[in-house]
Amino acid sequence: MFDNASRSEKLSGAESADVFAGVVDLPQHVRVDARLKLHVDFHAGATRLTERREEGAMRFRFPRAHGRSPEAILVNIAGGLAGGDRVGIDVQAGEGASIAVSSAAAERIYRSAGAVTTLSTTLTLGAGATGIWLPQETILHDGARVKRSFTLNFAPDSTAVFGEMLFFGRRASGEGFGRGSLAESWRVRRGSKLILADETRLTDDFAADILRPASLFNHVALATLLFAHPDASEHLDAIRALLPDESGLECGATDLGGLILIRFAGEKAAPLRRHVIRLAEDLARRIAQPLPRALMN
């Protein structure tokens, strides 16, 4: 599994610049430009697929449900993303419908000469709908430049577990993360009310950001979990009781009114991933849904 990536601190600015001196981004017309759309609705006693669109190098795959809610697996047939690639995903569940989304493998973002990899995710849940979004982790390779956004629109009585894991490099494979950029935006609404707006900006000498106590310090793996429920506040104490208390891992849960925000920061990726999936499994039970099977392998 993935381990602490703070090895990147060993590169000076000049050394890091030399590493990327020969990197050239491909022209836009040969870059990945993927657009995915998936809509499900509740009809005749079951959730049914009503719209599916796939453009570019991304695909949906649907394992047999056998009585479960539909499960969509994201597959990147390009094998990874790099500077200039764009991916947009739009998932909607209509009134009373249920959908679970995961991914077949970790998403790798490779180094860039300057162009930004742009990722956008939109999840919309109608009245009484249930959604789970929990893909495998996203791994930023040294020199990656990423902009990603999450737009979540939940009806007041909908329920959801939404999670994302982000790893800076892979030390176990000798890959740190010394330079690059990350711009991340979250917007979550309940009905028409904005209940979460969050922005993150990290640029250039990433090793310095990772090592700075006021920033990431030694944490090279981050995760966010959202638990949406009309009575979310009643679950807060139980969720906090499940948060791990161990060296090298920081976490906390906050009640935002109809939404519990849970954040993890770890010095090692493997324990963070294990705890995130364990907690997500508990949250999924609270909305009477199983986790996507792709995560259980």
C-alpha atoms as a PDB file:
ATOM      1  CA  MET A   1       0.000   0.000   0.000  1.00  0.00           C
ATOM      2  CA  PHE A   2       0.986   3.614   0.034  1.00  0.00           C
ATOM      3  CA  ASP A   3       3.178   5.093   2.717  1.00  0.00           C
ATOM      4  CA  ASN A   4       4.539   8.448   3.840  1.00  0.00           C
ATOM      5  CA  ALA A   5       5.596  10.602   0.854  1.00  0.00           C
ATOM      6  CA  SER A   6       7.634  13.211   2.711  1.00  0.00           C
ATOM      7  CA  ARG A   7      10.726  11.988   0.910  1.00  0.00           C
ATOM      8  CA  SER A   8      10.049  14.858  -1.506  1.00  0.00           C
ATOM      9  CA  GLU A   9      11.677  17.288   0.944  1.00  0.00           C
ATOM     10  CA  LYS A  10      15.085  16.086  -0.237  1.00  0.00           C
ATOM     11  CA  LEU A  11      14.720  17.902  -3.571  1.00  0.00           C
ATOM     12  CA  SER A  12      15.875  21.494  -3.625  1.00  0.00           C
ATOM     13  CA  GLY A  13      14.054  23.964  -5.869  1.00  0.00           C
ATOM     14  CA  ALA A  14      16.811  23.785  -8.490  1.00  0.00           C
ATOM     15  CA  GLU A  15      16.933  19.992  -8.389  1.00  0.00           C
ATOM     16  CA  SER A  16      13.164  19.759  -8.756  1.00  0.00           C
ATOM     17  CA  ALA A  17      13.219  22.182 -11.685  1.00  0.00           C
ATOM     18  CA  ASP A  18      15.839  19.999 -13.404  1.00  0.00           C
ATOM     19  CA  VAL A  19      13.614  16.940 -13.018  1.00  0.00           C
ATOM     20  CA  PHE A  20      10.800  18.641 -14.950  1.00  0.00           C
ATOM     21  CA  ALA A  21      12.951  20.504 -17.470  1.00  0.00           C
ATOM     22  CA  GLY A  22      12.154  18.037 -20.260  1.00  0.00           C
ATOM     23  CA  VAL A  23       8.445  17.656 -19.539  1.00  0.00           C
ATOM     24  CA  VAL A  24       6.183  18.860 -22.366  1.00  0.00           C
ATOM     25  CA  ASP A  25       2.373  18.751 -22.243  1.00  0.00           C
ATOM     26  CA  LEU A  26       0.638  17.168 -25.225  1.00  0.00           C
ATOM     27  CA  PRO A  27      -1.578  19.430 -27.354  1.00  0.00           C
ATOM     28  CA  GLN A  28      -5.169  19.754 -26.181  1.00  0.00           C
ATOM     29  CA  HIS A  29      -6.667  17.851 -29.130  1.00  0.00           C
ATOM     30  CA  VAL A  30      -5.025  14.614 -27.944  1.00  0.00           C
ATOM     31  CA  ARG A  31      -5.753  15.105 -24.236  1.00  0.00           C
ATOM     32  CA  VAL A  32      -8.501  13.272 -22.341  1.00  0.00           C
ATOM     33  CA  ASP A  33     -11.790  15.178 -22.427  1.00  0.00           C
ATOM     34  CA  ALA A  34     -14.268  12.881 -20.690  1.00  0.00           C
ATOM     35  CA  ARG A  35     -17.895  13.628 -19.866  1.00  0.00           C
ATOM     36  CA  LEU A  36     -20.033  11.176 -17.947  1.00  0.00           C
ATOM     37  CA  LYS A  37     -23.708  11.470 -17.045  1.00  0.00           C
ATOM     38  CA  LEU A  38     -25.798   8.972 -15.117  1.00  0.00           C
ATOM     39  CA  HIS A  39     -29.433   9.445 -14.089  1.00  0.00           C
ATOM     40  CA  VAL A  40     -31.532   6.916 -12.176  1.00  0.00           C
ATOM     41  CA  ASP A  41     -35.191   7.050 -11.156  1.00  0.00           C
ATOM     42  CA  PHE A  42     -37.495   4.954  -9.001  1.00  0.00           C
ATOM     43  CA  HIS A  43     -40.117   3.221 -11.127  1.00  0.00           C
ATOM     44  CA  ALA A  44     -42.312   0.134 -10.676  1.00  0.00           C
ATOM     45  CA  GLY A  45     -40.814  -0.657  -7.286  1.00  0.00           C
ATOM     46  CA  ALA A  46     -37.127  -0.439  -8.233  1.00  0.00           C
ATOM     47  CA  THR A  47     -34.371   2.023  -9.145  1.00  0.00           C
ATOM     48  CA  ARG A  48     -33.855   2.015 -12.890  1.00  0.00           C
ATOM     49  CA  LEU A  49     -31.320   3.613 -15.211  1.00  0.00           C
ATOM     50  CA  THR A  50     -32.968   6.385 -17.236  1.00  0.00           C
ATOM     51  CA  GLU A  51     -29.979   8.168 -18.801  1.00  0.00           C
ATOM     52  CA  ARG A  52     -26.378   7.171 -19.432  1.00  0.00           C
ATOM     53  CA  ARG A  53     -23.820   9.143 -21.412  1.00  0.00           C
ATOM     54  CA  GLU A  54     -20.126   8.389 -21.873  1.00  0.00           C
ATOM     55  CA  GLU A  55     -17.759  10.615 -23.816  1.00  0.00           C
ATOM     56  CA  GLY A  56     -13.997  10.334 -23.909  1.00  0.00           C
ATOM     57  CA  ALA A  57     -11.831   7.915 -21.964  1.00  0.00           C
ATOM     58  CA  MET A  58     -14.146   7.251 -19.004  1.00  0.00           C
ATOM     59  CA  ARG A  59     -16.797   4.542 -18.710  1.00  0.00           C
ATOM     60  CA  PHE A  60     -19.458   3.301 -16.319  1.00  0.00           C
ATOM     61  CA  ARG A  61     -19.598  -0.406 -15.569  1.00  0.00           C
ATOM     62  CA  PHE A  62     -22.471  -2.030 -13.677  1.00  0.00           C
ATOM     63  CA  PRO A  63     -21.895  -5.240 -11.690  1.00  0.00           C
ATOM     64  CA  ARG A  64     -24.965  -7.421 -11.225  1.00  0.00           C
ATOM     65  CA  ALA A  65     -26.914  -5.988  -8.302  1.00  0.00           C
ATOM     66  CA  HIS A  66     -28.714  -9.154  -7.056  1.00  0.00           C
ATOM     67  CA  GLY A  67     -31.308  -7.221  -5.082  1.00  0.00           C
ATOM     68  CA  ARG A  68     -29.007  -4.327  -4.155  1.00  0.00           C
ATOM     69  CA  SER A  69     -29.298  -0.752  -5.318  1.00  0.00           C
ATOM     70  CA  PRO A  70     -27.582  -0.124  -8.677  1.00  0.00           C
ATOM     71  CA  GLU A  71     -23.810   0.187  -8.395  1.00  0.00           C
ATOM     72  CA  ALA A  72     -21.787   2.116 -10.973  1.00  0.00           C
ATOM     73  CA  ILE A  73     -18.034   1.583 -11.291  1.00  0.00           C
ATOM     74  CA  LEU A  74     -15.933   4.324 -12.882  1.00  0.00           C
ATOM     75  CA  VAL A  75     -13.266   3.038 -15.277  1.00  0.00           C
ATOM     76  CA  ASN A  76     -10.546   5.185 -16.866  1.00  0.00           C
ATOM     77  CA  ILE A  77      -9.535   3.383 -20.041  1.00  0.00           C
ATOM     78  CA  ALA A  78      -6.712   5.903 -20.597  1.00  0.00           C
ATOM     79  CA  GLY A  79      -4.854   4.482 -17.589  1.00  0.00           C
ATOM     80  CA  GLY A  80      -4.242   7.814 -15.851  1.00  0.00           C
ATOM     81  CA  LEU A  81      -4.531  11.588 -16.222  1.00  0.00           C
ATOM     82  CA  ALA A  82      -1.998  14.348 -16.869  1.00  0.00           C
ATOM     83  CA  GLY A  83      -1.719  18.058 -17.656  1.00  0.00           C
ATOM     84  CA  GLY A  84      -4.569  19.319 -19.823  1.00  0.00           C
ATOM     85  CA  ASP A  85      -6.885  16.340 -19.230  1.00  0.00           C
ATOM     86  CA  ARG A  86     -10.473  17.102 -18.244  1.00  0.00           C
ATOM     87  CA  VAL A  87     -13.089  14.878 -16.614  1.00  0.00           C
ATOM     88  CA  GLY A  88     -16.644  15.898 -15.747  1.00  0.00           C
ATOM     89  CA  ILE A  89     -19.046  13.536 -13.950  1.00  0.00           C
ATOM     90  CA  ASP A  90     -22.745  14.217 -13.336  1.00  0.00           C
ATOM     91  CA  VAL A  91     -24.785  11.705 -11.305  1.00  0.00           C
ATOM     92  CA  GLN A  92     -28.449  12.222 -10.437  1.00  0.00           C
ATOM     93  CA  ALA A  93     -30.897  10.110  -8.452  1.00  0.00           C
ATOM     94  CA  GLY A  94     -34.571  11.020  -8.749  1.00  0.00           C
ATOM     95  CA  GLU A  95     -37.239  10.888  -6.066  1.00  0.00           C
ATOM     96  CA  GLY A  96     -36.942   7.705  -4.007  1.00  0.00           C
ATOM     97  CA  ALA A  97     -34.093   6.277  -6.108  1.00  0.00           C
ATOM     98  CA  SER A  98     -30.773   4.867  -4.857  1.00  0.00           C
ATOM     99  CA  ILE A  99     -27.330   4.795  -6.462  1.00  0.00           C
ATOM    100  CA  ALA A 100     -23.814   3.831  -5.362  1.00  0.00           C
ATOM    101  CA  VAL A 101     -20.706   4.953  -7.260  1.00  0.00           C
ATOM    102  CA  SER A 102     -17.111   3.776  -6.828  1.00  0.00           C
ATOM    103  CA  SER A 103     -14.137   3.205  -9.135  1.00  0.00           C
ATOM    104  CA  ALA A 104     -12.205   0.219 -10.392  1.00  0.00           C
ATOM    105  CA  ALA A 105      -8.782   1.531  -9.339  1.00  0.00           C
ATOM    106  CA  ALA A 106      -6.953   4.494  -7.868  1.00  0.00           C
ATOM    107  CA  GLU A 107      -6.884   7.527 -10.146  1.00  0.00           C
ATOM    108  CA  ARG A 108      -3.330   8.668 -10.921  1.00  0.00           C
ATOM    109  CA  ILE A 109      -2.568  12.273 -11.839  1.00  0.00           C
ATOM    110  CA  TYR A 110       0.840  12.506 -13.549  1.00  0.00           C
ATOM    111  CA  ARG A 111       3.261  15.428 -13.788  1.00  0.00           C
ATOM    112  CA  SER A 112       2.584  18.425 -15.966  1.00  0.00           C
ATOM    113  CA  ALA A 113       4.714  21.037 -17.708  1.00  0.00           C
ATOM    114  CA  GLY A 114       2.140  23.662 -16.734  1.00  0.00           C
ATOM    115  CA  ALA A 115      -1.288  22.605 -17.983  1.00  0.00           C
ATOM    116  CA  VAL A 116      -3.848  21.752 -15.303  1.00  0.00           C
ATOM    117  CA  THR A 117      -5.793  18.498 -14.936  1.00  0.00           C
ATOM    118  CA  THR A 118      -9.422  19.510 -14.307  1.00  0.00           C
ATOM    119  CA  LEU A 119     -11.869  17.222 -12.486  1.00  0.00           C
ATOM    120  CA  SER A 120     -15.467  18.122 -11.684  1.00  0.00           C
ATOM    121  CA  THR A 121     -18.080  16.019  -9.897  1.00  0.00           C
ATOM    122  CA  THR A 122     -21.774  16.801  -9.468  1.00  0.00           C
ATOM    123  CA  LEU A 123     -24.128  14.646  -7.389  1.00  0.00           C
ATOM    124  CA  THR A 124     -27.830  15.513  -7.195  1.00  0.00           C
ATOM    125  CA  LEU A 125     -30.292  13.631  -4.990  1.00  0.00           C
ATOM    126  CA  GLY A 126     -34.035  14.147  -5.244  1.00  0.00           C
ATOM    127  CA  ALA A 127     -36.634  13.839  -2.491  1.00  0.00           C
ATOM    128  CA  GLY A 128     -36.125  10.661  -0.484  1.00  0.00           C
ATOM    129  CA  ALA A 129     -33.208   9.556  -2.668  1.00  0.00           C
ATOM    130  CA  THR A 130     -30.102   7.804  -1.368  1.00  0.00           C
ATOM    131  CA  GLY A 131     -26.584   8.083  -2.747  1.00  0.00           C
ATOM    132  CA  ILE A 132     -23.126   6.699  -2.005  1.00  0.00           C
ATOM    133  CA  TRP A 133     -20.051   8.153  -3.690  1.00  0.00           C
ATOM    134  CA  LEU A 134     -16.759   6.613  -2.613  1.00  0.00           C
ATOM    135  CA  PRO A 135     -14.163   6.031  -5.333  1.00  0.00           C
ATOM    136  CA  GLN A 136     -10.698   4.646  -4.793  1.00  0.00           C
ATOM    137  CA  GLU A 137      -8.035   7.177  -3.832  1.00  0.00           C
ATOM    138  CA  THR A 138      -6.614   9.857  -6.137  1.00  0.00           C
ATOM    139  CA  ILE A 139      -2.789   9.852  -6.237  1.00  0.00           C
ATOM    140  CA  LEU A 140      -0.874  12.997  -7.169  1.00  0.00           C
ATOM    141  CA  HIS A 141       2.480  12.189  -8.754  1.00  0.00           C
ATOM    142  CA  ASP A 142       5.359  14.626  -8.489  1.00  0.00           C
ATOM    143  CA  GLY A 143       4.682  17.677 -10.645  1.00  0.00           C
ATOM    144  CA  ALA A 144       0.932  17.128 -10.976  1.00  0.00           C
ATOM    145  CA  ARG A 145      -1.198  20.257 -11.336  1.00  0.00           C
ATOM    146  CA  VAL A 146      -4.831  19.629 -10.413  1.00  0.00           C
ATOM    147  CA  LYS A 147      -8.032  21.599 -10.135  1.00  0.00           C
ATOM    148  CA  ARG A 148     -11.044  19.698  -8.894  1.00  0.00           C
ATOM    149  CA  SER A 149     -14.531  20.648  -7.744  1.00  0.00           C
ATOM    150  CA  PHE A 150     -17.418  18.914  -5.992  1.00  0.00           C
ATOM    151  CA  THR A 151     -20.979  20.211  -6.311  1.00  0.00           C
ATOM    152  CA  LEU A 152     -23.515  18.334  -4.188  1.00  0.00           C
ATOM    153  CA  ASN A 153     -27.222  19.125  -4.288  1.00  0.00           C
ATOM    154  CA  PHE A 154     -29.293  17.215  -1.741  1.00  0.00           C
ATOM    155  CA  ALA A 155     -33.036  17.369  -1.200  1.00  0.00           C
ATOM    156  CA  PRO A 156     -33.911  18.056   2.470  1.00  0.00           C
ATOM    157  CA  ASP A 157     -34.962  14.432   3.121  1.00  0.00           C
ATOM    158  CA  SER A 158     -32.322  12.683   1.002  1.00  0.00           C
ATOM    159  CA  THR A 159     -29.489  10.632   2.538  1.00  0.00           C
ATOM    160  CA  ALA A 160     -25.928  10.167   1.359  1.00  0.00           C
ATOM    161  CA  VAL A 161     -22.388   9.080   2.129  1.00  0.00           C
ATOM    162  CA  PHE A 162     -19.873  10.986  -0.004  1.00  0.00           C
ATOM    163  CA  GLY A 163     -16.130  10.423   0.296  1.00  0.00           C
ATOM    164  CA  GLU A 164     -12.851  11.322  -1.404  1.00  0.00           C
ATOM    165  CA  MET A 165      -9.271  10.269  -0.585  1.00  0.00           C
ATOM    166  CA  LEU A 166      -6.207  12.176  -1.835  1.00  0.00           C
ATOM    167  CA  PHE A 167      -2.612  10.930  -1.557  1.00  0.00           C
ATOM    168  CA  PHE A 168       0.491  13.040  -2.247  1.00  0.00           C
ATOM    169  CA  GLY A 169       2.926  10.642  -3.912  1.00  0.00           C
ATOM    170  CA  ARG A 170       3.819   7.025  -3.126  1.00  0.00           C
ATOM    171  CA  ARG A 171       6.915   6.649  -0.973  1.00  0.00           C
ATOM    172  CA  ALA A 172       6.628   2.849  -0.941  1.00  0.00           C
ATOM    173  CA  SER A 173       7.372   2.984  -4.674  1.00  0.00           C
ATOM    174  CA  GLY A 174      10.078   5.623  -4.273  1.00  0.00           C
ATOM    175  CA  GLU A 175       7.800   8.412  -5.493  1.00  0.00           C
ATOM    176  CA  GLY A 176       7.494  11.595  -3.463  1.00  0.00           C
ATOM    177  CA  PHE A 177       5.643  14.812  -4.227  1.00  0.00           C
ATOM    178  CA  GLY A 178       7.883  17.873  -4.299  1.00  0.00           C
ATOM    179  CA  ARG A 179       6.321  20.293  -6.777  1.00  0.00           C
ATOM    180  CA  GLY A 180       2.877  20.821  -8.249  1.00  0.00           C
ATOM    181  CA  SER A 181      -0.415  22.471  -7.429  1.00  0.00           C
ATOM    182  CA  LEU A 182      -3.824  21.636  -6.023  1.00  0.00           C
ATOM    183  CA  ALA A 183      -6.945  23.791  -6.189  1.00  0.00           C
ATOM    184  CA  GLU A 184     -10.010  22.173  -4.670  1.00  0.00           C
ATOM    185  CA  SER A 185     -13.549  23.508  -4.225  1.00  0.00           C
ATOM    186  CA  TRP A 186     -16.554  22.053  -2.361  1.00  0.00           C
ATOM    187  CA  ARG A 187     -20.152  23.317  -2.495  1.00  0.00           C
ATOM    188  CA  VAL A 188     -22.909  21.399  -0.693  1.00  0.00           C
ATOM    189  CA  ARG A 189     -26.557  22.445  -0.633  1.00  0.00           C
ATOM    190  CA  ARG A 190     -29.589  21.103   1.241  1.00  0.00           C
ATOM    191  CA  GLY A 191     -32.597  22.200  -0.746  1.00  0.00           C
ATOM    192  CA  SER A 192     -31.692  25.748  -1.750  1.00  0.00           C
ATOM    193  CA  LYS A 193     -29.504  26.378   1.326  1.00  0.00           C
ATOM    194  CA  LEU A 194     -25.724  26.402   0.998  1.00  0.00           C
ATOM    195  CA  ILE A 195     -24.356  24.535   4.036  1.00  0.00           C
ATOM    196  CA  LEU A 196     -20.734  23.938   3.047  1.00  0.00           C
ATOM    197  CA  ALA A 197     -18.336  26.061   0.981  1.00  0.00           C
ATOM    198  CA  ASP A 198     -14.705  25.018   1.211  1.00  0.00           C
ATOM    199  CA  GLU A 199     -11.616  26.044  -0.783  1.00  0.00           C
ATOM    200  CA  THR A 200      -8.067  24.661  -0.777  1.00  0.00           C
ATOM    201  CA  ARG A 201      -5.061  26.139  -2.615  1.00  0.00           C
ATOM    202  CA  LEU A 202      -1.542  24.671  -2.547  1.00  0.00           C
ATOM    203  CA  THR A 203       1.014  25.573  -5.196  1.00  0.00           C
ATOM    204  CA  ASP A 204       4.599  25.264  -6.452  1.00  0.00           C
ATOM    205  CA  ASP A 205       6.954  23.943  -3.759  1.00  0.00           C
ATOM    206  CA  PHE A 206       4.634  21.341  -2.329  1.00  0.00           C
ATOM    207  CA  ALA A 207       7.293  19.851  -0.061  1.00  0.00           C
ATOM    208  CA  ALA A 208       7.427  23.110   1.863  1.00  0.00           C
ATOM    209  CA  ASP A 209       3.635  23.091   2.257  1.00  0.00           C
ATOM    210  CA  ILE A 210       3.660  19.517   3.486  1.00  0.00           C
ATOM    211  CA  LEU A 211       6.353  20.227   6.071  1.00  0.00           C
ATOM    212  CA  ARG A 212       4.942  23.542   7.344  1.00  0.00           C
ATOM    213  CA  PRO A 213       3.127  23.061  10.696  1.00  0.00           C
ATOM    214  CA  ALA A 214       0.436  25.597   9.798  1.00  0.00           C
ATOM    215  CA  SER A 215      -0.322  23.768   6.555  1.00  0.00           C
ATOM    216  CA  LEU A 216      -0.173  20.000   5.965  1.00  0.00           C
ATOM    217  CA  PHE A 217       2.878  19.405   8.192  1.00  0.00           C
ATOM    218  CA  ASN A 218       3.857  15.723   7.647  1.00  0.00           C
ATOM    219  CA  HIS A 219       0.410  14.690   6.468  1.00  0.00           C
ATOM    220  CA  VAL A 220       0.590  13.281   2.958  1.00  0.00           C
ATOM    221  CA  ALA A 221      -2.818  11.607   2.811  1.00  0.00           C
ATOM    222  CA  LEU A 222      -6.123  13.455   3.174  1.00  0.00           C
ATOM    223  CA  ALA A 223      -9.730  12.301   3.135  1.00  0.00           C
ATOM    224  CA  THR A 224     -13.161  13.870   3.417  1.00  0.00           C
ATOM    225  CA  LEU A 225     -16.366  12.047   4.319  1.00  0.00           C
ATOM    226  CA  LEU A 226     -19.813  13.642   4.260  1.00  0.00           C
ATOM    227  CA  PHE A 227     -22.817  12.070   5.946  1.00  0.00           C
ATOM    228  CA  ALA A 228     -26.102  13.616   4.815  1.00  0.00           C
ATOM    229  CA  HIS A 229     -29.226  12.722   6.780  1.00  0.00           C
ATOM    230  CA  PRO A 230     -32.288  14.701   7.922  1.00  0.00           C
ATOM    231  CA  ASP A 231     -31.355  13.743  11.507  1.00  0.00           C
ATOM    232  CA  ALA A 232     -27.591  13.902  11.056  1.00  0.00           C
ATOM    233  CA  SER A 233     -27.085  15.704  14.383  1.00  0.00           C
ATOM    234  CA  GLU A 234     -28.387  12.672  16.274  1.00  0.00           C
ATOM    235  CA  HIS A 235     -25.566  10.572  14.802  1.00  0.00           C
ATOM    236  CA  LEU A 236     -22.706  12.953  15.635  1.00  0.00           C
ATOM    237  CA  ASP A 237     -21.681  11.479  19.006  1.00  0.00           C
ATOM    238  CA  ALA A 238     -21.687   7.928  17.639  1.00  0.00           C
ATOM    239  CA  ILE A 239     -19.611   8.990  14.626  1.00  0.00           C
ATOM    240  CA  ARG A 240     -17.068  10.777  16.815  1.00  0.00           C
ATOM    241  CA  ALA A 241     -16.785   7.664  18.984  1.00  0.00           C
ATOM    242  CA  LEU A 242     -15.709   5.715  15.899  1.00  0.00           C
ATOM    243  CA  LEU A 243     -12.917   8.101  14.908  1.00  0.00           C
ATOM    244  CA  PRO A 244      -9.470   6.547  15.422  1.00  0.00           C
ATOM    245  CA  ASP A 245      -7.061   7.874  18.020  1.00  0.00           C
ATOM    246  CA  GLU A 246      -3.572   6.927  16.923  1.00  0.00           C
ATOM    247  CA  SER A 247      -0.226   8.532  16.257  1.00  0.00           C
ATOM    248  CA  GLY A 248       0.255  10.050  12.812  1.00  0.00           C
ATOM    249  CA  LEU A 249      -3.464  10.413  12.115  1.00  0.00           C
ATOM    250  CA  GLU A 250      -5.684  13.415  12.808  1.00  0.00           C
ATOM    251  CA  CYS A 251      -9.436  13.459  12.301  1.00  0.00           C
ATOM    252  CA  GLY A 252     -12.573  15.246  13.402  1.00  0.00           C
ATOM    253  CA  ALA A 253     -16.312  15.472  12.751  1.00  0.00           C
ATOM    254  CA  THR A 254     -18.476  18.605  12.616  1.00  0.00           C
ATOM    255  CA  ASP A 255     -22.253  19.015  12.560  1.00  0.00           C
ATOM    256  CA  LEU A 256     -23.314  21.439   9.804  1.00  0.00           C
ATOM    257  CA  GLY A 257     -27.052  20.890  10.155  1.00  0.00           C
ATOM    258  CA  GLY A 258     -28.329  17.942   8.136  1.00  0.00           C
ATOM    259  CA  LEU A 259     -24.722  17.149   7.234  1.00  0.00           C
ATOM    260  CA  ILE A 260     -21.760  15.742   9.192  1.00  0.00           C
ATOM    261  CA  LEU A 261     -18.363  16.753   7.805  1.00  0.00           C
ATOM    262  CA  ILE A 262     -15.519  14.350   8.661  1.00  0.00           C
ATOM    263  CA  ARG A 263     -11.912  15.052   7.740  1.00  0.00           C
ATOM    264  CA  PHE A 264      -8.805  12.863   8.007  1.00  0.00           C
ATOM    265  CA  ALA A 265      -5.121  13.789   7.651  1.00  0.00           C
ATOM    266  CA  GLY A 266      -2.476  11.083   7.894  1.00  0.00           C
ATOM    267  CA  GLU A 267       1.299  10.751   7.808  1.00  0.00           C
ATOM    268  CA  LYS A 268       0.790   7.366   6.153  1.00  0.00           C
ATOM    269  CA  ALA A 269      -1.780   6.541   3.525  1.00  0.00           C
ATOM    270  CA  ALA A 270      -2.522   2.882   4.288  1.00  0.00           C
ATOM    271  CA  PRO A 271      -3.926   3.405   7.831  1.00  0.00           C
ATOM    272  CA  LEU A 272      -5.918   6.422   6.668  1.00  0.00           C
ATOM    273  CA  ARG A 273      -7.510   4.443   3.856  1.00  0.00           C
ATOM    274  CA  ARG A 274      -8.365   1.582   6.183  1.00  0.00           C
ATOM    275  CA  HIS A 275     -10.047   3.869   8.726  1.00  0.00           C
ATOM    276  CA  VAL A 276     -11.935   5.849   6.067  1.00  0.00           C
ATOM    277  CA  ILE A 277     -13.445   2.709   4.550  1.00  0.00           C
ATOM    278  CA  ARG A 278     -14.288   1.300   7.976  1.00  0.00           C
ATOM    279  CA  LEU A 279     -16.122   4.490   8.959  1.00  0.00           C
ATOM    280  CA  ALA A 280     -17.806   4.774   5.547  1.00  0.00           C
ATOM    281  CA  GLU A 281     -19.140   1.251   5.993  1.00  0.00           C
ATOM    282  CA  ASP A 282     -20.724   2.280   9.299  1.00  0.00           C
ATOM    283  CA  LEU A 283     -22.197   5.433   7.731  1.00  0.00           C
ATOM    284  CA  ALA A 284     -23.637   3.389   4.863  1.00  0.00           C
ATOM    285  CA  ARG A 285     -25.410   1.128   7.366  1.00  0.00           C
ATOM    286  CA  ARG A 286     -26.997   4.244   8.892  1.00  0.00           C
ATOM    287  CA  ILE A 287     -28.729   4.906   5.566  1.00  0.00           C
ATOM    288  CA  ALA A 288     -29.514   1.193   5.108  1.00  0.00           C
ATOM    289  CA  GLN A 289     -27.105   0.681   2.212  1.00  0.00           C
ATOM    290  CA  PRO A 290     -24.023  -1.523   1.674  1.00  0.00           C
ATOM    291  CA  LEU A 291     -20.705  -0.076   0.543  1.00  0.00           C
ATOM    292  CA  PRO A 292     -19.817  -0.542  -3.134  1.00  0.00           C
ATOM    293  CA  ARG A 293     -18.216  -3.943  -3.555  1.00  0.00           C
ATOM    294  CA  ALA A 294     -15.269  -2.455  -5.468  1.00  0.00           C
ATOM    295  CA  LEU A 295     -13.990  -1.068  -2.152  1.00  0.00           C
ATOM    296  CA  MET A 296     -14.117  -4.370  -0.338  1.00  0.00           C
ATOM    297  CA  ASN A 297     -11.490  -6.147  -2.477  1.00  0.00           C
END
